[in-house]
C-alpha cells in the first residue's frame, strides 16, 4: 500500500494503522456499551432504583418511547430504538419536531433522530428504512414543515422542509427485504400509501416524476411527488430520492467503489442545496432524511463523512480543494465524560462519539470507521 500524501493530516493517516484503529474503536465501543446499559435500564425503570450518576445517564439515554409495547410494531429491528431526547415526532397538527417539545405528546411515533454534524454543522433526520406500516409517517416527515423546539438538544430550523432523501440500502439484499418502497417504480402508475392503523389522517397518492442513473456516483436519482388523497389536495410535495447502489449491508464499498461514494456524498450536498422549480422551500440548506436499513451503520458513516469533508473544505469538486482547519468543538456534555486522552484529538473519533450521543450505535462496525479515514484520504488526493 502506498504511503499517504504528504498533505494529509496526521489524524487521517493514523487510520491506516490497524493497531490505532483497533484501540480507538475499542474505546468508542466501551463508551457505547455504557450507553447500551443505560438504554436497557431505562426500559426496566421504575423496577430498580439506581444510584444518582446512573440515573442521570439512564435519563439521558432513555429509549422508553421507542421501547413501549405500543410502538414496537414500528421498529424495523426490535433492538434499535431512538433516544427520547432527540427523537423525531410526526405531529398530527402538521409539524416535525423533537420528543421533548410539548407538542410531542400529540404526535406519531417515528423511529428516527435529529442528528447534528459535530464539525460540519448540517442537520439530518437519521432513520430506519420504512416498513410498509411506517411509509406514511416517513412521507409525513417530508410533507410537514419543521417546528421550532424549546429544547436545546437540537436547534431546529423552523419552517424549513425536507427536500432530499438519501437511501444507502437496496430494497432487497441477500434475499431479504431491507427497505419498503414507498413510491412507484415507473411514471405510469400512482401508489396509494395508507397511514398506520388508528391514525386518522388521509392517505397519500405518490407519483414518480423522473428518474435517472448517475454512473459516476453509483446513484439512482428519482424525483417524487405526493399529495393527500382528498378532494382538494393543494400543491404537491416534491422531493429528490437518492439511492446509492454499491454499499453492501454489514460491509463497506469495494475499493473500486470508493471514488463513487465520495462523488455521491458531494452530489447529495449539491442536490440538497438546489430548490425544486416552484418550491416554496427556499432554505439554502434544509435538513435531509438519511436511512440505510437500520439507520445506524451506513447512515452514521455517511453523516460523519459529510461533516468532516464539509469542515475540511473538501466537499466541492469544482476546483482543487482548499483545506480548512478543523474548527474547535466544545467539550461534550455527555454524562459519560470526555473521551480517553489518547484519542480525544482525533476528529473522526469525536465525530463518531457525537453521533452516538444522538442515535444509538451510529458507525456500527470497525470497517465503517476505517472507511471514513480512507475516504477522507481519497478526498485529499482528489485532483478533480
Protein backbone atom coordinates (compact mmCIF):
# COMPACT_ATOMS: atom_id res chain seq x y z
CA UNK A 1 0.00 0.00 0.00
CA UNK A 2 1.41 3.39 -0.99
CA UNK A 3 2.13 5.97 1.74
CA UNK A 4 -0.48 8.70 2.30
CA UNK A 5 0.01 12.05 0.54
CA UNK A 6 2.21 14.44 2.50
CA UNK A 7 -0.64 16.96 2.86
CA UNK A 8 -2.91 14.51 4.69
CA UNK A 9 -3.27 15.44 8.38
CA UNK A 10 -1.70 13.03 10.84
CA UNK A 11 -5.05 12.11 12.35
CA UNK A 12 -6.27 10.86 8.96
CA UNK A 13 -3.05 8.99 8.23
CA UNK A 14 -3.34 7.36 11.67
CA UNK A 15 -6.35 5.45 10.40
CA UNK A 16 -4.04 3.36 8.23
CA UNK A 17 -2.66 1.70 11.35
CA UNK A 18 -4.67 -1.39 12.28
CA UNK A 19 -3.44 -1.11 15.86
CA UNK A 20 -4.52 2.54 16.20
CA UNK A 21 -7.87 1.83 14.59
CA UNK A 22 -8.49 -1.14 16.87
CA UNK A 23 -7.60 0.82 20.01
CA UNK A 24 -9.69 3.84 19.01
CA UNK A 25 -12.73 1.77 18.08
CA UNK A 26 -12.40 -0.29 21.27
CA UNK A 27 -12.52 2.92 23.31
CA UNK A 28 -15.60 4.05 21.39
CA UNK A 29 -17.18 0.62 21.88
CA UNK A 30 -16.59 0.79 25.63
CA UNK A 31 -18.49 4.08 25.75
CA UNK A 32 -21.30 2.65 23.61
CA UNK A 33 -21.62 -0.29 26.00
CA UNK A 34 -22.23 2.21 28.78
CA UNK A 35 -24.93 3.86 26.68
CA UNK A 36 -26.41 0.45 25.93
CA UNK A 37 -26.60 -0.33 29.64
CA UNK A 38 -28.38 2.98 30.23
CA UNK A 39 -30.81 2.26 27.40
CA UNK A 40 -31.57 -1.14 28.88
CA UNK A 41 -32.07 0.30 32.37
CA UNK A 42 -34.42 2.96 31.02
CA UNK A 43 -36.73 0.19 29.83
CA UNK A 44 -36.68 -1.50 33.24
CA UNK A 45 -37.48 1.55 35.36
CA UNK A 46 -39.03 2.03 37.87
CA UNK A 47 -38.47 -1.62 38.75
CA UNK A 48 -35.00 -0.94 40.07
CA UNK A 49 -33.65 2.08 41.95
CA UNK A 50 -30.40 3.48 40.53
CA UNK A 51 -27.53 5.49 42.02
CA UNK A 52 -27.65 9.20 41.11
CA UNK A 53 -24.90 9.05 38.44
CA UNK A 54 -26.51 6.04 36.76
CA UNK A 55 -29.91 7.69 37.00
CA UNK A 56 -28.59 10.74 35.09
CA UNK A 57 -27.18 8.54 32.33
CA UNK A 58 -30.38 6.48 32.18
CA UNK A 59 -32.47 9.61 31.68
CA UNK A 60 -30.01 10.98 29.09
CA UNK A 61 -30.02 7.77 27.02
CA UNK A 62 -33.63 6.79 27.62
CA UNK A 63 -35.46 4.92 24.84
CA UNK A 64 -38.72 4.35 26.68
CA UNK A 65 -40.94 5.69 23.90
CA UNK A 66 -39.44 3.50 21.17
CA UNK A 67 -39.38 0.58 23.58
CA UNK A 68 -43.03 0.93 24.54
CA UNK A 69 -45.18 -2.08 23.55
CA UNK A 70 -47.46 0.40 21.78
CA UNK A 71 -44.63 1.38 19.42
CA UNK A 72 -42.57 -1.78 18.94
CA UNK A 73 -44.53 -2.66 15.79
CA UNK A 74 -42.95 0.37 14.08
CA UNK A 75 -39.32 -0.63 14.78
CA UNK A 76 -37.71 -2.49 11.90
CA UNK A 77 -35.32 -4.09 14.38
CA UNK A 78 -36.53 -4.69 17.93
CA UNK A 79 -33.17 -3.72 19.50
CA UNK A 80 -32.78 -0.37 17.70
CA UNK A 81 -34.87 2.42 19.22
CA UNK A 82 -34.41 6.21 19.05
CA UNK A 83 -33.33 8.24 22.06
CA UNK A 84 -36.26 10.12 23.58
CA UNK A 85 -34.08 13.21 23.81
CA UNK A 86 -33.55 13.67 20.05
CA UNK A 87 -36.47 11.64 18.72
CA UNK A 88 -38.30 12.96 15.66
CA UNK A 89 -42.04 13.32 16.16
CA UNK A 90 -44.52 13.49 13.30
CA UNK A 91 -47.16 15.83 14.64
CA UNK A 92 -50.86 15.30 13.94
CA UNK A 93 -51.12 19.09 13.85
CA UNK A 94 -48.77 19.45 10.88
CA UNK A 95 -45.18 19.69 12.04
CA UNK A 96 -41.99 17.73 12.58
CA UNK A 97 -40.41 18.30 15.99
CA UNK A 98 -38.48 16.88 18.95
CA UNK A 99 -39.81 14.47 21.53
CA UNK A 100 -39.21 16.82 24.43
CA UNK A 101 -41.29 19.56 22.85
CA UNK A 102 -44.72 19.95 24.47
CA UNK A 103 -46.42 19.05 21.20
CA UNK A 104 -44.80 15.60 21.14
CA UNK A 105 -47.49 14.05 23.28
CA UNK A 106 -49.93 14.54 20.42
CA UNK A 107 -47.54 13.19 17.79
CA UNK A 108 -46.98 9.94 15.93
CA UNK A 109 -44.13 7.56 16.70
CA UNK A 110 -41.27 7.52 14.19
CA UNK A 111 -38.01 5.57 14.56
CA UNK A 112 -35.69 8.45 13.70
CA UNK A 113 -33.49 11.01 15.44
CA UNK A 114 -32.46 14.57 14.75
CA UNK A 115 -28.69 14.40 14.28
CA UNK A 116 -26.38 17.42 14.03
CA UNK A 117 -22.91 17.02 12.50
CA UNK A 118 -20.23 17.87 15.03
CA UNK A 119 -17.83 19.62 12.64
CA UNK A 120 -19.88 20.30 9.51
CA UNK A 121 -22.94 21.57 11.38
CA UNK A 122 -25.56 20.16 9.00
CA UNK A 123 -28.80 18.74 10.42
CA UNK A 124 -30.15 15.32 9.39
CA UNK A 125 -33.00 13.02 10.23
CA UNK A 126 -31.29 9.64 10.69
CA UNK A 127 -33.85 6.88 10.47
CA UNK A 128 -34.51 3.26 9.66
CA UNK A 129 -35.77 2.28 6.21
CA UNK A 130 -39.57 2.39 6.07
CA UNK A 131 -41.70 -0.64 6.75
CA UNK A 132 -44.95 -0.91 4.83
CA UNK A 133 -46.74 0.21 8.01
CA UNK A 134 -44.46 3.22 8.54
CA UNK A 135 -44.26 4.51 4.95
CA UNK A 136 -46.98 7.09 5.59
CA UNK A 137 -45.20 8.56 8.62
CA UNK A 138 -41.97 8.62 6.59
CA UNK A 139 -43.67 10.67 3.87
CA UNK A 140 -45.28 12.84 6.55
CA UNK A 141 -41.80 13.78 7.81
CA UNK A 142 -41.17 15.17 4.32
CA UNK A 143 -44.57 16.84 3.94
CA UNK A 144 -44.72 18.72 7.22
CA UNK A 145 -42.81 21.94 7.88
CA UNK A 146 -40.36 21.66 10.75
CA UNK A 147 -41.50 23.14 14.05
CA UNK A 148 -39.12 25.06 16.28
CA UNK A 149 -38.47 23.45 19.63
CA UNK A 150 -37.94 24.93 23.06
CA UNK A 151 -35.35 22.23 23.68
CA UNK A 152 -31.64 22.96 23.49
CA UNK A 153 -30.89 19.39 22.37
CA UNK A 154 -31.17 20.32 18.68
CA UNK A 155 -31.67 23.75 17.14
CA UNK A 156 -34.42 23.08 14.59
CA UNK A 157 -34.79 25.39 11.57
CA UNK A 158 -38.47 26.28 11.98
CA UNK A 159 -40.46 26.48 8.75
CA UNK A 160 -37.96 24.51 6.68
CA UNK A 161 -38.97 21.32 4.93
CA UNK A 162 -37.19 18.15 3.83
CA UNK A 163 -36.46 18.09 0.09
CA UNK A 164 -33.81 15.33 -0.14
CA UNK A 165 -33.92 11.69 0.97
CA UNK A 166 -30.71 9.63 0.94
CA UNK A 167 -31.03 5.83 0.89
CA UNK A 168 -27.92 3.68 1.42
CA UNK A 169 -29.52 0.24 1.17
CA UNK A 170 -31.11 -1.57 -1.73
CA UNK A 171 -34.70 -2.57 -1.09
CA UNK A 172 -33.61 -6.22 -1.18
CA UNK A 173 -30.18 -7.51 -0.18
CA UNK A 174 -29.03 -11.12 0.17
CA UNK A 175 -32.56 -12.37 -0.37
CA UNK A 176 -34.05 -10.25 2.44
CA UNK A 177 -36.16 -7.11 2.32
CA UNK A 178 -34.18 -4.22 3.83
CA UNK A 179 -36.47 -1.34 2.86
CA UNK A 180 -40.07 -0.95 1.75
CA UNK A 181 -40.68 1.03 -1.42
CA UNK A 182 -43.00 3.99 -0.84
CA UNK A 183 -43.12 5.38 -4.39
CA UNK A 184 -43.86 3.63 -7.73
CA UNK A 185 -41.09 2.27 -9.92
CA UNK A 186 -42.40 3.82 -13.14
CA UNK A 187 -44.05 7.05 -14.19
CA UNK A 188 -47.25 5.43 -15.48
CA UNK A 189 -48.63 4.38 -12.12
CA UNK A 190 -49.77 6.01 -8.90
CA UNK A 191 -49.14 4.49 -5.47
CA UNK A 192 -51.53 4.94 -2.58
CA UNK A 193 -49.81 4.93 0.83
CA UNK A 194 -52.07 4.35 3.84
CA UNK A 195 -51.48 5.70 7.37
CA UNK A 196 -50.81 3.33 10.25
CA UNK A 197 -53.85 1.76 11.94
CA UNK A 198 -55.82 4.06 14.26
CA UNK A 199 -54.21 7.15 12.69
CA UNK A 200 -56.98 9.40 11.41
CA UNK A 201 -55.20 11.23 8.59
CA UNK A 202 -55.62 10.99 4.80
CA UNK A 203 -53.66 8.52 2.70
CA UNK A 204 -51.07 9.85 0.24
CA UNK A 205 -51.09 9.49 -3.54
CA UNK A 206 -47.50 9.17 -4.72
CA UNK A 207 -46.08 9.51 -8.24
CA UNK A 208 -42.65 9.15 -9.82
CA UNK A 209 -41.93 12.26 -11.94
CA UNK A 210 -38.49 11.38 -13.33
CA UNK A 211 -35.60 9.01 -12.75
CA UNK A 212 -32.01 8.73 -13.91
CA UNK A 213 -28.85 6.78 -13.18
CA UNK A 214 -25.72 8.80 -12.37
CA UNK A 215 -22.99 6.24 -13.04
CA UNK A 216 -20.11 8.27 -11.65
CA UNK A 217 -21.85 8.36 -8.27
CA UNK A 218 -23.43 4.86 -8.44
CA UNK A 219 -26.68 6.68 -7.85
CA UNK A 220 -30.28 6.17 -8.88
CA UNK A 221 -31.85 9.63 -8.57
CA UNK A 222 -35.63 9.95 -8.53
CA UNK A 223 -37.95 12.94 -8.41
CA UNK A 224 -41.07 12.04 -6.42
CA UNK A 225 -44.34 13.90 -5.91
CA UNK A 226 -47.17 13.21 -3.47
CA UNK A 227 -50.41 14.76 -2.22
CA UNK A 228 -53.02 13.85 0.39
CA UNK A 229 -55.75 11.66 -1.05
CA UNK A 230 -58.54 14.21 -0.57
CA UNK A 231 -60.85 16.20 -2.84
CA UNK A 232 -58.70 19.34 -2.84
CA UNK A 233 -55.14 18.22 -2.05
CA UNK A 234 -53.38 21.50 -2.81
CA UNK A 235 -49.89 21.79 -4.26
CA UNK A 236 -47.93 18.53 -4.43
CA UNK A 237 -44.90 17.96 -2.22
CA UNK A 238 -41.84 17.19 -4.35
CA UNK A 239 -38.60 15.65 -3.11
CA UNK A 240 -35.48 14.06 -4.57
CA UNK A 241 -34.71 10.47 -3.62
CA UNK A 242 -31.05 9.47 -3.97
CA UNK A 243 -30.17 5.77 -3.78
CA UNK A 244 -26.51 4.73 -3.53
CA UNK A 245 -26.30 1.28 -5.12
CA UNK A 246 -22.87 -0.06 -4.08
CA UNK A 247 -22.82 -0.28 -0.28
CA UNK A 248 -23.48 -3.82 0.99
CA UNK A 249 -25.19 -4.49 4.30
CA UNK A 250 -22.76 -5.36 7.14
CA UNK A 251 -19.87 -4.18 4.96
CA UNK A 252 -18.28 -1.31 3.09
CA UNK A 253 -17.98 -0.43 -0.61
CA UNK A 254 -15.29 -2.30 -2.53
CA UNK A 255 -12.07 -0.48 -3.45
CA UNK A 256 -13.25 0.40 -6.96
CA UNK A 257 -16.40 1.99 -5.49
CA UNK A 258 -14.69 4.39 -3.08
CA UNK A 259 -14.46 7.16 -5.67
CA UNK A 260 -18.17 6.76 -6.47
CA UNK A 261 -19.06 7.04 -2.77
CA UNK A 262 -17.07 10.29 -2.48
CA UNK A 263 -18.82 11.58 -5.60
CA UNK A 264 -22.20 10.53 -4.20
CA UNK A 265 -21.62 12.43 -0.93
CA UNK A 266 -20.76 15.55 -2.90
CA UNK A 267 -23.73 15.05 -5.23
CA UNK A 268 -26.12 14.79 -2.27
CA UNK A 269 -24.75 18.06 -0.92
CA UNK A 270 -25.26 19.85 -4.26
CA UNK A 271 -28.76 18.47 -4.81
CA UNK A 272 -29.90 19.38 -1.31
CA UNK A 273 -28.85 22.99 -1.84
CA UNK A 274 -30.90 23.26 -5.05
CA UNK A 275 -34.63 24.03 -4.57
CA UNK A 276 -37.06 22.26 -6.86
CA UNK A 277 -38.65 24.55 -9.50
CA UNK A 278 -41.68 26.25 -7.99
CA UNK A 279 -40.82 25.08 -4.50
CA UNK A 280 -41.79 27.29 -1.58
CA UNK A 281 -38.91 25.83 0.44
CA UNK A 282 -36.14 28.39 -0.11
CA UNK A 283 -33.94 27.26 2.81
CA UNK A 284 -30.40 27.20 1.29
CA UNK A 285 -29.52 24.03 3.22
CA UNK A 286 -32.56 22.30 4.71
CA UNK A 287 -32.23 19.15 6.80
CA UNK A 288 -32.21 15.90 4.81
CA UNK A 289 -33.51 12.44 5.66
CA UNK A 290 -31.00 9.61 5.52
CA UNK A 291 -31.53 5.90 6.02
CA UNK A 292 -29.92 2.54 5.42
CA UNK A 293 -31.83 -0.46 6.74
CA UNK A 294 -31.46 0.07 10.50
CA UNK A 295 -30.38 3.72 10.19
CA UNK A 296 -27.18 3.35 12.23
CA UNK A 297 -24.13 1.81 10.47
CA UNK A 298 -24.05 3.08 6.91
CA UNK A 299 -26.16 6.07 7.93
CA UNK A 300 -23.74 7.14 10.66
CA UNK A 301 -20.72 6.61 8.41
CA UNK A 302 -22.22 8.81 5.68
CA UNK A 303 -23.05 11.63 8.11
CA UNK A 304 -19.55 11.50 9.64
CA UNK A 305 -18.00 11.75 6.19
CA UNK A 306 -20.32 14.59 5.18
CA UNK A 307 -19.40 16.52 8.32
CA UNK A 308 -15.63 16.14 8.04
CA UNK A 309 -15.49 16.76 4.29
CA UNK A 310 -17.51 19.93 4.83
CA UNK A 311 -15.33 21.12 7.72
CA UNK A 312 -12.12 20.44 5.79
CA UNK A 313 -13.33 22.30 2.69
CA UNK A 314 -13.28 19.05 0.66
CA UNK A 315 -16.96 18.86 -0.24
CA UNK A 316 -16.74 20.78 -3.52
CA UNK A 317 -15.25 19.22 -6.67
CA UNK A 318 -15.36 22.40 -8.79
CA UNK A 319 -11.66 23.03 -8.25
CA UNK A 320 -8.78 21.68 -6.22
CA UNK A 321 -9.96 21.68 -2.60
CA UNK A 322 -8.92 24.45 -0.26
CA UNK A 323 -8.27 22.67 3.02
CA UNK A 324 -9.61 24.44 6.06
CA UNK A 325 -8.63 23.97 9.67
CA UNK A 326 -10.95 21.70 11.65
CA UNK A 327 -12.79 24.13 13.97
CA UNK A 328 -12.57 23.68 17.73
CA UNK A 329 -15.56 21.92 19.24
CA UNK A 330 -16.84 22.48 22.79
CA UNK A 331 -16.39 19.62 25.24
CA UNK A 332 -19.18 17.04 25.17
CA UNK A 333 -21.95 17.38 27.73
CA UNK A 334 -22.36 13.61 27.84
CA UNK A 335 -22.76 12.02 31.28
CA UNK A 336 -20.02 9.63 30.12
CA UNK A 337 -17.47 12.41 30.43
CA UNK A 338 -14.62 13.15 27.99
CA UNK A 339 -13.02 10.70 25.58
CA UNK A 340 -9.78 8.97 26.64
CA UNK A 341 -6.75 11.27 26.23
CA UNK A 342 -5.06 9.16 23.58
CA UNK A 343 -7.93 9.63 21.09
CA UNK A 344 -9.58 12.90 22.10
CA UNK A 345 -7.67 14.89 19.45
CA UNK A 346 -8.90 12.70 16.56
CA UNK A 347 -11.83 14.40 14.77
CA UNK A 348 -13.05 11.07 13.31
CA UNK A 349 -13.34 9.56 16.78
CA UNK A 350 -15.03 12.69 18.15
CA UNK A 351 -17.49 12.78 15.24
CA UNK A 352 -18.47 9.13 15.78
CA UNK A 353 -18.87 9.64 19.52
CA UNK A 354 -21.00 12.74 18.88
CA UNK A 355 -23.29 10.82 16.51
CA UNK A 356 -23.72 8.03 19.05
CA UNK A 357 -24.87 10.58 21.60
CA UNK A 358 -27.77 11.42 19.27
CA UNK A 359 -28.75 7.99 17.89
CA UNK A 360 -27.65 4.60 19.21
CA UNK A 361 -24.85 2.58 17.58
CA UNK A 362 -24.01 5.01 14.79
CA UNK A 363 -20.99 3.86 12.69
CA UNK A 364 -21.57 0.34 13.97
CA UNK A 365 -18.51 -1.54 12.66
CA UNK A 366 -14.76 -1.02 12.72
CA UNK A 367 -14.71 -1.45 8.92
CA UNK A 368 -17.04 1.54 8.64
CA UNK A 369 -14.74 3.64 10.85
CA UNK A 370 -11.79 2.62 8.64
CA UNK A 371 -13.81 3.69 5.59
CA UNK A 372 -14.12 7.22 6.99
CA UNK A 373 -10.34 7.63 7.17
CA UNK A 374 -9.95 6.07 3.72
CA UNK A 375 -12.49 8.34 2.01
CA UNK A 376 -11.03 11.44 3.69
CA UNK A 377 -7.60 10.47 2.41
CA UNK A 378 -9.01 9.93 -1.07
CA UNK A 379 -10.59 13.41 -0.94
CA UNK A 380 -7.20 14.95 -0.22
CA UNK A 381 -5.68 13.28 -3.26
CA UNK A 382 -8.67 14.05 -5.49
CA UNK A 383 -7.49 16.49 -8.21
CA UNK A 384 -10.78 16.96 -10.00
